[in-house]
PDB file of N, CA and C in Angstrom:
ATOM      1  N   UNK A   1      23.677   4.081   1.595  1.00  0.00           N
ATOM      2  CA  UNK A   1      22.819   3.976   2.780  1.00  0.00           C
ATOM      3  C   UNK A   1      22.263   2.562   2.862  1.00  0.00           C
ATOM      4  N   UNK A   2      22.159   2.012   4.065  1.00  0.00           N
ATOM      5  CA  UNK A   2      21.614   0.659   4.213  1.00  0.00           C
ATOM      6  C   UNK A   2      20.124   0.621   3.897  1.00  0.00           C
ATOM      7  N   UNK A   3      19.675  -0.568   3.584  1.00  0.00           N
ATOM      8  CA  UNK A   3      18.253  -0.753   3.292  1.00  0.00           C
ATOM      9  C   UNK A   3      17.460  -0.657   4.593  1.00  0.00           C
ATOM     10  N   UNK A   4      16.264  -0.143   4.479  1.00  0.00           N
ATOM     11  CA  UNK A   4      15.371  -0.047   5.630  1.00  0.00           C
ATOM     12  C   UNK A   4      13.988  -0.531   5.216  1.00  0.00           C
ATOM     13  N   UNK A   5      13.175  -0.873   6.198  1.00  0.00           N
ATOM     14  CA  UNK A   5      11.811  -1.282   5.907  1.00  0.00           C
ATOM     15  C   UNK A   5      10.910  -0.060   6.007  1.00  0.00           C
ATOM     16  N   UNK A   6      10.106   0.156   4.973  1.00  0.00           N
ATOM     17  CA  UNK A   6       9.145   1.257   4.977  1.00  0.00           C
ATOM     18  C   UNK A   6       7.740   0.665   4.957  1.00  0.00           C
ATOM     19  N   UNK A   7       6.824   1.370   5.593  1.00  0.00           N
ATOM     20  CA  UNK A   7       5.440   0.930   5.715  1.00  0.00           C
ATOM     21  C   UNK A   7       4.567   1.921   4.957  1.00  0.00           C
ATOM     22  N   UNK A   8       3.771   1.406   4.041  1.00  0.00           N
ATOM     23  CA  UNK A   8       3.014   2.259   3.127  1.00  0.00           C
ATOM     24  C   UNK A   8       1.551   1.849   3.100  1.00  0.00           C
ATOM     25  N   UNK A   9       0.676   2.855   3.037  1.00  0.00           N
ATOM     26  CA  UNK A   9      -0.756   2.630   2.821  1.00  0.00           C
ATOM     27  C   UNK A   9      -1.086   3.199   1.449  1.00  0.00           C
ATOM     28  N   UNK A  10      -1.708   2.367   0.609  1.00  0.00           N
ATOM     29  CA  UNK A  10      -2.104   2.789  -0.731  1.00  0.00           C
ATOM     30  C   UNK A  10      -3.605   2.561  -0.886  1.00  0.00           C
ATOM     31  N   UNK A  11      -4.332   3.628  -1.186  1.00  0.00           N
ATOM     32  CA  UNK A  11      -5.781   3.531  -1.397  1.00  0.00           C
ATOM     33  C   UNK A  11      -6.092   3.723  -2.876  1.00  0.00           C
ATOM     34  N   UNK A  12      -7.203   3.148  -3.311  1.00  0.00           N
ATOM     35  CA  UNK A  12      -7.638   3.221  -4.709  1.00  0.00           C
ATOM     36  C   UNK A  12      -9.073   3.707  -4.791  1.00  0.00           C
ATOM     37  N   UNK A  13      -9.326   4.546  -5.783  1.00  0.00           N
ATOM     38  CA  UNK A  13     -10.667   5.042  -6.068  1.00  0.00           C
ATOM     39  C   UNK A  13     -11.017   4.658  -7.496  1.00  0.00           C
ATOM     40  N   UNK A  14     -12.252   4.971  -7.911  1.00  0.00           N
ATOM     41  CA  UNK A  14     -12.689   4.633  -9.259  1.00  0.00           C
ATOM     42  C   UNK A  14     -11.888   5.418 -10.296  1.00  0.00           C
ATOM     43  N   UNK A  15     -11.456   4.715 -11.315  1.00  0.00           N
ATOM     44  CA  UNK A  15     -10.779   5.331 -12.447  1.00  0.00           C
ATOM     45  C   UNK A  15     -11.698   5.278 -13.655  1.00  0.00           C
ATOM     46  N   UNK A  16     -11.125   5.304 -14.832  1.00  0.00           N
ATOM     47  CA  UNK A  16     -11.919   5.215 -16.060  1.00  0.00           C
ATOM     48  C   UNK A  16     -12.484   3.813 -16.229  1.00  0.00           C
ATOM     49  N   UNK A  17     -13.710   3.755 -16.676  1.00  0.00           N
ATOM     50  CA  UNK A  17     -14.343   2.453 -16.865  1.00  0.00           C
ATOM     51  C   UNK A  17     -14.397   1.694 -15.559  1.00  0.00           C
ATOM     52  N   UNK A  18     -13.853   0.485 -15.587  1.00  0.00           N
ATOM     53  CA  UNK A  18     -13.808  -0.328 -14.376  1.00  0.00           C
ATOM     54  C   UNK A  18     -12.436  -0.269 -13.717  1.00  0.00           C
ATOM     55  N   UNK A  19     -11.591   0.638 -14.188  1.00  0.00           N
ATOM     56  CA  UNK A  19     -10.233   0.743 -13.673  1.00  0.00           C
ATOM     57  C   UNK A  19     -10.166   1.377 -12.291  1.00  0.00           C
ATOM     58  N   UNK A  20      -9.017   1.238 -11.699  1.00  0.00           N
ATOM     59  CA  UNK A  20      -8.737   1.825 -10.392  1.00  0.00           C
ATOM     60  C   UNK A  20      -7.730   2.946 -10.556  1.00  0.00           C
ATOM     61  N   UNK A  21      -7.859   3.961  -9.732  1.00  0.00           N
ATOM     62  CA  UNK A  21      -6.909   5.067  -9.732  1.00  0.00           C
ATOM     63  C   UNK A  21      -6.281   5.133  -8.347  1.00  0.00           C
ATOM     64  N   UNK A  22      -4.951   5.114  -8.305  1.00  0.00           N
ATOM     65  CA  UNK A  22      -4.233   5.158  -7.034  1.00  0.00           C
ATOM     66  C   UNK A  22      -4.229   6.567  -6.470  1.00  0.00           C
ATOM     67  N   UNK A  23      -4.530   6.671  -5.189  1.00  0.00           N
ATOM     68  CA  UNK A  23      -4.364   7.935  -4.485  1.00  0.00           C
ATOM     69  C   UNK A  23      -2.903   8.028  -4.053  1.00  0.00           C
ATOM     70  N   UNK A  24      -2.516   9.161  -3.497  1.00  0.00           N
ATOM     71  CA  UNK A  24      -1.145   9.329  -3.039  1.00  0.00           C
ATOM     72  C   UNK A  24      -0.862   8.366  -1.890  1.00  0.00           C
ATOM     73  N   UNK A  25       0.304   7.736  -1.938  1.00  0.00           N
ATOM     74  CA  UNK A  25       0.700   6.815  -0.878  1.00  0.00           C
ATOM     75  C   UNK A  25       0.936   7.576   0.415  1.00  0.00           C
ATOM     76  N   UNK A  26       0.666   6.884   1.529  1.00  0.00           N
ATOM     77  CA  UNK A  26       0.900   7.456   2.852  1.00  0.00           C
ATOM     78  C   UNK A  26       1.957   6.602   3.539  1.00  0.00           C
ATOM     79  N   UNK A  27       3.056   7.220   3.940  1.00  0.00           N
ATOM     80  CA  UNK A  27       4.099   6.515   4.674  1.00  0.00           C
ATOM     81  C   UNK A  27       3.779   6.469   6.158  1.00  0.00           C
ATOM     82  N   UNK A  28       4.131   5.374   6.792  1.00  0.00           N
ATOM     83  CA  UNK A  28       3.876   5.195   8.222  1.00  0.00           C
ATOM     84  C   UNK A  28       5.168   4.771   8.908  1.00  0.00           C
ATOM     85  N   UNK A  29       5.222   4.994  10.224  1.00  0.00           N
ATOM     86  CA  UNK A  29       6.434   4.681  10.978  1.00  0.00           C
ATOM     87  C   UNK A  29       6.487   3.241  11.460  1.00  0.00           C
ATOM     88  N   UNK A  30       5.318   2.628  11.662  1.00  0.00           N
ATOM     89  CA  UNK A  30       5.274   1.257  12.175  1.00  0.00           C
ATOM     90  C   UNK A  30       4.257   0.445  11.389  1.00  0.00           C
ATOM     91  N   UNK A  31       4.367  -0.881  11.437  1.00  0.00           N
ATOM     92  CA  UNK A  31       3.369  -1.706  10.756  1.00  0.00           C
ATOM     93  C   UNK A  31       1.979  -1.557  11.382  1.00  0.00           C
ATOM     94  N   UNK A  32       1.933  -1.329  12.687  1.00  0.00           N
ATOM     95  CA  UNK A  32       0.646  -1.156  13.356  1.00  0.00           C
ATOM     96  C   UNK A  32      -0.054   0.120  12.878  1.00  0.00           C
ATOM     97  N   UNK A  33       0.707   1.200  12.728  1.00  0.00           N
ATOM     98  CA  UNK A  33       0.134   2.453  12.241  1.00  0.00           C
ATOM     99  C   UNK A  33      -0.391   2.286  10.819  1.00  0.00           C
ATOM    100  N   UNK A  34       0.347   1.582   9.973  1.00  0.00           N
ATOM    101  CA  UNK A  34      -0.080   1.354   8.594  1.00  0.00           C
ATOM    102  C   UNK A  34      -1.381   0.549   8.555  1.00  0.00           C
ATOM    103  N   UNK A  35      -1.445  -0.485   9.368  1.00  0.00           N
ATOM    104  CA  UNK A  35      -2.647  -1.327   9.403  1.00  0.00           C
ATOM    105  C   UNK A  35      -3.861  -0.530   9.887  1.00  0.00           C
ATOM    106  N   UNK A  36      -3.690   0.269  10.943  1.00  0.00           N
ATOM    107  CA  UNK A  36      -4.806   1.067  11.467  1.00  0.00           C
ATOM    108  C   UNK A  36      -5.313   2.067  10.430  1.00  0.00           C
ATOM    109  N   UNK A  37      -4.408   2.745   9.753  1.00  0.00           N
ATOM    110  CA  UNK A  37      -4.817   3.717   8.729  1.00  0.00           C
ATOM    111  C   UNK A  37      -5.559   3.027   7.592  1.00  0.00           C
ATOM    112  N   UNK A  38      -5.064   1.880   7.176  1.00  0.00           N
ATOM    113  CA  UNK A  38      -5.720   1.141   6.099  1.00  0.00           C
ATOM    114  C   UNK A  38      -7.109   0.663   6.522  1.00  0.00           C
ATOM    115  N   UNK A  39      -7.233   0.188   7.748  1.00  0.00           N
ATOM    116  CA  UNK A  39      -8.532  -0.263   8.244  1.00  0.00           C
ATOM    117  C   UNK A  39      -9.541   0.884   8.280  1.00  0.00           C
ATOM    118  N   UNK A  40      -9.088   2.091   8.643  1.00  0.00           N
ATOM    119  CA  UNK A  40      -9.991   3.244   8.674  1.00  0.00           C
ATOM    120  C   UNK A  40     -10.410   3.677   7.272  1.00  0.00           C
ATOM    121  N   UNK A  41      -9.509   3.540   6.300  1.00  0.00           N
ATOM    122  CA  UNK A  41      -9.822   3.934   4.925  1.00  0.00           C
ATOM    123  C   UNK A  41     -10.687   2.914   4.177  1.00  0.00           C
ATOM    124  N   UNK A  42     -10.628   1.658   4.584  1.00  0.00           N
ATOM    125  CA  UNK A  42     -11.285   0.578   3.849  1.00  0.00           C
ATOM    126  C   UNK A  42     -12.757   0.837   3.519  1.00  0.00           C
ATOM    127  N   UNK A  43     -13.575   1.315   4.455  1.00  0.00           N
ATOM    128  CA  UNK A  43     -14.984   1.529   4.108  1.00  0.00           C
ATOM    129  C   UNK A  43     -15.207   2.734   3.180  1.00  0.00           C
ATOM    130  N   UNK A  44     -14.186   3.574   3.017  1.00  0.00           N
ATOM    131  CA  UNK A  44     -14.330   4.817   2.259  1.00  0.00           C
ATOM    132  C   UNK A  44     -13.753   4.736   0.842  1.00  0.00           C
ATOM    133  N   UNK A  45     -13.045   3.678   0.499  1.00  0.00           N
ATOM    134  CA  UNK A  45     -12.383   3.548  -0.800  1.00  0.00           C
ATOM    135  C   UNK A  45     -12.759   2.234  -1.464  1.00  0.00           C
ATOM    136  N   UNK A  46     -12.552   2.146  -2.786  1.00  0.00           N
ATOM    137  CA  UNK A  46     -12.816   0.884  -3.488  1.00  0.00           C
ATOM    138  C   UNK A  46     -11.840  -0.199  -3.057  1.00  0.00           C
ATOM    139  N   UNK A  47     -10.630   0.204  -2.730  1.00  0.00           N
ATOM    140  CA  UNK A  47      -9.621  -0.739  -2.289  1.00  0.00           C
ATOM    141  C   UNK A  47      -8.562  -0.026  -1.484  1.00  0.00           C
ATOM    142  N   UNK A  48      -7.947  -0.757  -0.582  1.00  0.00           N
ATOM    143  CA  UNK A  48      -6.853  -0.199   0.213  1.00  0.00           C
ATOM    144  C   UNK A  48      -5.925  -1.342   0.635  1.00  0.00           C
ATOM    145  N   UNK A  49      -4.639  -1.036   0.660  1.00  0.00           N
ATOM    146  CA  UNK A  49      -3.654  -2.024   1.072  1.00  0.00           C
ATOM    147  C   UNK A  49      -2.587  -1.327   1.915  1.00  0.00           C
ATOM    148  N   UNK A  50      -2.163  -2.016   2.972  1.00  0.00           N
ATOM    149  CA  UNK A  50      -1.027  -1.578   3.775  1.00  0.00           C
ATOM    150  C   UNK A  50       0.047  -2.636   3.578  1.00  0.00           C
ATOM    151  N   UNK A  51       1.266  -2.185   3.313  1.00  0.00           N
ATOM    152  CA  UNK A  51       2.323  -3.152   3.078  1.00  0.00           C
ATOM    153  C   UNK A  51       3.662  -2.634   3.577  1.00  0.00           C
ATOM    154  N   UNK A  52       4.573  -3.583   3.758  1.00  0.00           N
ATOM    155  CA  UNK A  52       5.942  -3.278   4.156  1.00  0.00           C
ATOM    156  C   UNK A  52       6.845  -3.678   3.003  1.00  0.00           C
ATOM    157  N   UNK A  53       7.858  -2.854   2.761  1.00  0.00           N
ATOM    158  CA  UNK A  53       8.800  -3.155   1.685  1.00  0.00           C
ATOM    159  C   UNK A  53      10.189  -2.703   2.116  1.00  0.00           C
ATOM    160  N   UNK A  54      11.176  -3.478   1.737  1.00  0.00           N
ATOM    161  CA  UNK A  54      12.560  -3.114   2.007  1.00  0.00           C
ATOM    162  C   UNK A  54      13.000  -2.158   0.913  1.00  0.00           C
ATOM    163  N   UNK A  55      13.688  -1.073   1.313  1.00  0.00           N
ATOM    164  CA  UNK A  55      14.044  -0.058   0.331  1.00  0.00           C
ATOM    165  C   UNK A  55      15.331   0.664   0.693  1.00  0.00           C
ATOM    166  N   UNK A  56      15.996   1.132  -0.339  1.00  0.00           N
ATOM    167  CA  UNK A  56      17.067   2.111  -0.194  1.00  0.00           C
ATOM    168  C   UNK A  56      16.434   3.411  -0.662  1.00  0.00           C
ATOM    169  N   UNK A  57      15.906   4.185   0.274  1.00  0.00           N
ATOM    170  CA  UNK A  57      15.108   5.360  -0.070  1.00  0.00           C
ATOM    171  C   UNK A  57      15.915   6.447  -0.760  1.00  0.00           C
ATOM    172  N   UNK A  58      17.202   6.536  -0.463  1.00  0.00           N
ATOM    173  CA  UNK A  58      18.039   7.535  -1.136  1.00  0.00           C
ATOM    174  C   UNK A  58      18.178   7.239  -2.619  1.00  0.00           C
ATOM    175  N   UNK A  59      18.286   5.966  -2.966  1.00  0.00           N
ATOM    176  CA  UNK A  59      18.448   5.566  -4.362  1.00  0.00           C
ATOM    177  C   UNK A  59      17.104   5.340  -5.050  1.00  0.00           C
ATOM    178  N   UNK A  60      16.020   5.274  -4.267  1.00  0.00           N
ATOM    179  CA  UNK A  60      14.703   4.996  -4.842  1.00  0.00           C
ATOM    180  C   UNK A  60      14.549   3.549  -5.264  1.00  0.00           C
ATOM    181  N   UNK A  61      15.292   2.664  -4.623  1.00  0.00           N
ATOM    182  CA  UNK A  61      15.289   1.236  -4.962  1.00  0.00           C
ATOM    183  C   UNK A  61      14.409   0.480  -3.973  1.00  0.00           C
ATOM    184  N   UNK A  62      13.288  -0.057  -4.458  1.00  0.00           N
ATOM    185  CA  UNK A  62      12.339  -0.785  -3.620  1.00  0.00           C
ATOM    186  C   UNK A  62      12.257  -2.234  -4.063  1.00  0.00           C
ATOM    187  N   UNK A  63      12.122  -3.157  -3.090  1.00  0.00           N
ATOM    188  CA  UNK A  63      11.913  -4.568  -3.423  1.00  0.00           C
ATOM    189  C   UNK A  63      10.625  -4.723  -4.215  1.00  0.00           C
ATOM    190  N   UNK A  64      10.587  -5.747  -5.038  1.00  0.00           N
ATOM    191  CA  UNK A  64       9.406  -5.988  -5.869  1.00  0.00           C
ATOM    192  C   UNK A  64       8.360  -6.844  -5.167  1.00  0.00           C
ATOM    193  N   UNK A  65       8.697  -7.439  -4.042  1.00  0.00           N
ATOM    194  CA  UNK A  65       7.766  -8.321  -3.333  1.00  0.00           C
ATOM    195  C   UNK A  65       7.412  -7.748  -1.973  1.00  0.00           C
ATOM    196  N   UNK A  66       6.367  -6.924  -1.914  1.00  0.00           N
ATOM    197  CA  UNK A  66       5.974  -6.344  -0.632  1.00  0.00           C
ATOM    198  C   UNK A  66       5.346  -7.383   0.296  1.00  0.00           C
ATOM    199  N   UNK A  67       5.436  -7.123   1.585  1.00  0.00           N
ATOM    200  CA  UNK A  67       4.767  -7.946   2.592  1.00  0.00           C
ATOM    201  C   UNK A  67       3.449  -7.261   2.929  1.00  0.00           C
ATOM    202  N   UNK A  68       2.341  -7.943   2.661  1.00  0.00           N
ATOM    203  CA  UNK A  68       1.011  -7.371   2.885  1.00  0.00           C
ATOM    204  C   UNK A  68       0.693  -7.398   4.378  1.00  0.00           C
ATOM    205  N   UNK A  69       0.303  -6.245   4.909  1.00  0.00           N
ATOM    206  CA  UNK A  69      -0.101  -6.138   6.312  1.00  0.00           C
ATOM    207  C   UNK A  69      -1.619  -6.142   6.447  1.00  0.00           C
ATOM    208  N   UNK A  70      -2.309  -5.575   5.452  1.00  0.00           N
ATOM    209  CA  UNK A  70      -3.775  -5.492   5.445  1.00  0.00           C
ATOM    210  C   UNK A  70      -4.211  -5.183   4.025  1.00  0.00           C
ATOM    211  N   UNK A  71      -5.319  -5.782   3.598  1.00  0.00           N
ATOM    212  CA  UNK A  71      -5.888  -5.401   2.310  1.00  0.00           C
ATOM    213  C   UNK A  71      -7.382  -5.619   2.329  1.00  0.00           C
ATOM    214  N   UNK A  72      -8.083  -4.769   1.562  1.00  0.00           N
ATOM    215  CA  UNK A  72      -9.536  -4.860   1.492  1.00  0.00           C
ATOM    216  C   UNK A  72      -9.996  -4.280   0.163  1.00  0.00           C
ATOM    217  N   UNK A  73     -11.085  -4.814  -0.376  1.00  0.00           N
ATOM    218  CA  UNK A  73     -11.679  -4.283  -1.595  1.00  0.00           C
ATOM    219  C   UNK A  73     -10.959  -4.715  -2.857  1.00  0.00           C
ATOM    220  N   UNK A  74     -11.212  -3.965  -3.951  1.00  0.00           N
ATOM    221  CA  UNK A  74     -10.601  -4.239  -5.248  1.00  0.00           C
ATOM    222  C   UNK A  74      -9.196  -3.659  -5.299  1.00  0.00           C
ATOM    223  N   UNK A  75      -8.257  -4.483  -5.738  1.00  0.00           N
ATOM    224  CA  UNK A  75      -6.862  -4.047  -5.804  1.00  0.00           C
ATOM    225  C   UNK A  75      -6.230  -4.498  -7.115  1.00  0.00           C
ATOM    226  N   UNK A  76      -5.269  -3.735  -7.619  1.00  0.00           N
ATOM    227  CA  UNK A  76      -4.538  -4.141  -8.817  1.00  0.00           C
ATOM    228  C   UNK A  76      -3.397  -5.099  -8.463  1.00  0.00           C
ATOM    229  N   UNK A  77      -2.802  -5.748  -9.458  1.00  0.00           N
ATOM    230  CA  UNK A  77      -1.610  -6.550  -9.182  1.00  0.00           C
ATOM    231  C   UNK A  77      -0.506  -5.676  -8.626  1.00  0.00           C
ATOM    232  N   UNK A  78       0.347  -6.132  -7.777  1.00  0.00           N
ATOM    233  CA  UNK A  78       0.490  -7.497  -7.271  1.00  0.00           C
ATOM    234  C   UNK A  78      -0.331  -7.766  -6.024  1.00  0.00           C
ATOM    235  N   UNK A  79      -1.199  -6.829  -5.655  1.00  0.00           N
ATOM    236  CA  UNK A  79      -1.957  -6.952  -4.411  1.00  0.00           C
ATOM    237  C   UNK A  79      -3.232  -7.787  -4.538  1.00  0.00           C
ATOM    238  N   UNK A  80      -3.682  -8.090  -5.752  1.00  0.00           N
ATOM    239  CA  UNK A  80      -4.972  -8.738  -5.938  1.00  0.00           C
ATOM    240  C   UNK A  80      -4.908 -10.262  -5.874  1.00  0.00           C
ATOM    241  N   UNK A  81      -3.732 -10.854  -5.862  1.00  0.00           N
ATOM    242  CA  UNK A  81      -3.638 -12.300  -5.867  1.00  0.00           C
ATOM    243  C   UNK A  81      -3.714 -12.868  -4.459  1.00  0.00           C
ATOM    244  N   UNK A  82      -4.212 -14.067  -4.381  1.00  0.00           N
ATOM    245  CA  UNK A  82      -4.263 -14.852  -3.125  1.00  0.00           C
ATOM    246  C   UNK A  82      -4.872 -16.183  -3.405  1.00  0.00           C
TER     247      UNK A  82
END
């Protein structure tokens, strides 16, 4: 199957100590939908990121360098750098 671009929203809540715990990822159909969902979650979570990644979903093969669409709050690598 050819590679396709997938849009994902990932939110984080408090984990053990000062760590972050990832909530379940939310898939979106468009980059605009991903950004809107992330913006709505931002005030409610410690961190949230919306990103686009090229993937072969049948094989479970995802690129290692996501394109950030929106981010806010505390995030783990690779989302925390800038």
